[in-house]
Amino acid sequence: MIGVRTDGEKGLIALTDGYRESTPVMGRVAAGCETPWDAGAGGLAMGDGALGFWAAVKDVFPQTKAQRCCFHKLANVLAA
């Protein structure tokens, strides 16, 4: 999982092994994050269409808003 700070600097938030992007695997990744989210500050999660990621974010960080990656959304629209 990669994060972007407000100054634009990117950094590694979490890394783990697992089978695909399932909810249990992504839940372990999200639960191990050391970010302002841990304090319940909320934030924004952005990702592709991996349903396991969205379910894990909703479970671990219920105050966090979700946004679909613009590139992936556009690619899906153009492919249809």
C-alpha atoms as a PDB file:
ATOM      1  CA  MET A   1       0.000   0.000   0.000  1.00  0.00           C
ATOM      2  CA  ILE A   2       1.408   3.385  -1.004  1.00  0.00           C
ATOM      3  CA  GLY A   3       0.373   6.703   0.488  1.00  0.00           C
ATOM      4  CA  VAL A   4       0.745  10.284  -0.689  1.00  0.00           C
ATOM      5  CA  ARG A   5       1.248  13.127   1.758  1.00  0.00           C
ATOM      6  CA  THR A   6      -0.290  16.552   1.275  1.00  0.00           C
ATOM      7  CA  ASP A   7       3.088  17.821  -0.011  1.00  0.00           C
ATOM      8  CA  GLY A   8       2.958  15.200  -2.806  1.00  0.00           C
ATOM      9  CA  GLU A   9       5.646  12.884  -1.413  1.00  0.00           C
ATOM     10  CA  LYS A  10       4.831   9.188  -1.816  1.00  0.00           C
ATOM     11  CA  GLY A  11       5.792   6.518   0.672  1.00  0.00           C
ATOM     12  CA  LEU A  12       5.265   2.876   1.497  1.00  0.00           C
ATOM     13  CA  ILE A  13       2.547   2.408   4.118  1.00  0.00           C
ATOM     14  CA  ALA A  14       2.283  -1.367   4.250  1.00  0.00           C
ATOM     15  CA  LEU A  15       3.465  -4.492   2.470  1.00  0.00           C
ATOM     16  CA  THR A  16       2.424  -8.095   3.014  1.00  0.00           C
ATOM     17  CA  ASP A  17       2.156 -11.336   1.132  1.00  0.00           C
ATOM     18  CA  GLY A  18      -1.135 -12.986   0.404  1.00  0.00           C
ATOM     19  CA  TYR A  19      -3.312 -14.592  -2.209  1.00  0.00           C
ATOM     20  CA  ARG A  20      -4.735 -11.888  -4.454  1.00  0.00           C
ATOM     21  CA  GLU A  21      -6.448  -8.787  -3.072  1.00  0.00           C
ATOM     22  CA  SER A  22      -8.990 -10.617  -0.947  1.00  0.00           C
ATOM     23  CA  THR A  23     -10.776  -8.992   1.988  1.00  0.00           C
ATOM     24  CA  PRO A  24      -8.826 -10.996   4.628  1.00  0.00           C
ATOM     25  CA  VAL A  25      -5.460 -10.122   3.050  1.00  0.00           C
ATOM     26  CA  MET A  26      -6.323  -6.452   2.582  1.00  0.00           C
ATOM     27  CA  GLY A  27      -7.767  -6.361   6.113  1.00  0.00           C
ATOM     28  CA  ARG A  28      -4.390  -7.493   7.485  1.00  0.00           C
ATOM     29  CA  VAL A  29      -2.651  -4.825   5.429  1.00  0.00           C
ATOM     30  CA  ALA A  30      -5.039  -2.076   6.554  1.00  0.00           C
ATOM     31  CA  ALA A  31      -4.944  -3.163  10.203  1.00  0.00           C
ATOM     32  CA  GLY A  32      -1.146  -2.904  10.186  1.00  0.00           C
ATOM     33  CA  CYS A  33      -1.054   0.645   8.847  1.00  0.00           C
ATOM     34  CA  GLU A  34       0.621   3.277  10.942  1.00  0.00           C
ATOM     35  CA  THR A  35      -1.051   6.398   9.600  1.00  0.00           C
ATOM     36  CA  PRO A  36      -3.225   9.231  10.887  1.00  0.00           C
ATOM     37  CA  TRP A  37      -6.159   6.882  10.170  1.00  0.00           C
ATOM     38  CA  ASP A  38      -5.155   4.904  13.259  1.00  0.00           C
ATOM     39  CA  ALA A  39      -6.227   7.847  15.393  1.00  0.00           C
ATOM     40  CA  GLY A  40      -9.623   7.938  13.698  1.00  0.00           C
ATOM     41  CA  ALA A  41      -8.738  11.029  11.697  1.00  0.00           C
ATOM     42  CA  GLY A  42     -10.347   9.620   8.579  1.00  0.00           C
ATOM     43  CA  GLY A  43      -8.954  10.452   5.181  1.00  0.00           C
ATOM     44  CA  LEU A  44      -9.314   9.330   1.624  1.00  0.00           C
ATOM     45  CA  ALA A  45      -8.598   5.886   0.218  1.00  0.00           C
ATOM     46  CA  MET A  46      -8.055   5.612  -3.514  1.00  0.00           C
ATOM     47  CA  GLY A  47      -7.760   2.350  -5.394  1.00  0.00           C
ATOM     48  CA  ASP A  48      -8.748   0.284  -8.364  1.00  0.00           C
ATOM     49  CA  GLY A  49     -11.708  -2.075  -8.490  1.00  0.00           C
ATOM     50  CA  ALA A  50     -10.331  -4.610  -5.980  1.00  0.00           C
ATOM     51  CA  LEU A  51     -13.421  -5.366  -3.899  1.00  0.00           C
ATOM     52  CA  GLY A  52     -11.339  -6.843  -1.065  1.00  0.00           C
ATOM     53  CA  PHE A  53      -9.595  -3.498  -0.608  1.00  0.00           C
ATOM     54  CA  TRP A  54     -12.847  -1.559  -0.337  1.00  0.00           C
ATOM     55  CA  ALA A  55     -14.360  -4.030   2.134  1.00  0.00           C
ATOM     56  CA  ALA A  56     -11.221  -3.890   4.301  1.00  0.00           C
ATOM     57  CA  VAL A  57     -11.131  -0.077   4.306  1.00  0.00           C
ATOM     58  CA  LYS A  58     -14.793   0.044   5.316  1.00  0.00           C
ATOM     59  CA  ASP A  59     -14.202  -2.448   8.165  1.00  0.00           C
ATOM     60  CA  VAL A  60     -10.909  -1.054   9.498  1.00  0.00           C
ATOM     61  CA  PHE A  61     -11.365   2.678   8.796  1.00  0.00           C
ATOM     62  CA  PRO A  62     -15.126   3.364   8.728  1.00  0.00           C
ATOM     63  CA  GLN A  63     -14.658   7.165   8.638  1.00  0.00           C
ATOM     64  CA  THR A  64     -12.443   7.044   5.535  1.00  0.00           C
ATOM     65  CA  LYS A  65     -13.927   8.212   2.256  1.00  0.00           C
ATOM     66  CA  ALA A  66     -13.381   6.087  -0.868  1.00  0.00           C
ATOM     67  CA  GLN A  67     -12.529   7.234  -4.374  1.00  0.00           C
ATOM     68  CA  ARG A  68     -12.037   5.070  -7.428  1.00  0.00           C
ATOM     69  CA  CYS A  69      -8.769   5.629  -9.298  1.00  0.00           C
ATOM     70  CA  CYS A  70      -9.562   7.909 -12.257  1.00  0.00           C
ATOM     71  CA  PHE A  71      -7.279   5.953 -14.607  1.00  0.00           C
ATOM     72  CA  HIS A  72      -8.922   2.614 -13.824  1.00  0.00           C
ATOM     73  CA  LYS A  73     -12.402   4.090 -14.078  1.00  0.00           C
ATOM     74  CA  LEU A  74     -11.636   5.668 -17.462  1.00  0.00           C
ATOM     75  CA  ALA A  75     -10.019   2.466 -18.753  1.00  0.00           C
ATOM     76  CA  ASN A  76     -13.122   0.472 -17.795  1.00  0.00           C
ATOM     77  CA  VAL A  77     -15.434   2.957 -19.529  1.00  0.00           C
ATOM     78  CA  LEU A  78     -13.339   2.985 -22.711  1.00  0.00           C
ATOM     79  CA  ALA A  79     -13.197  -0.814 -22.762  1.00  0.00           C
ATOM     80  CA  ALA A  80     -17.018  -1.127 -22.721  1.00  0.00           C
END
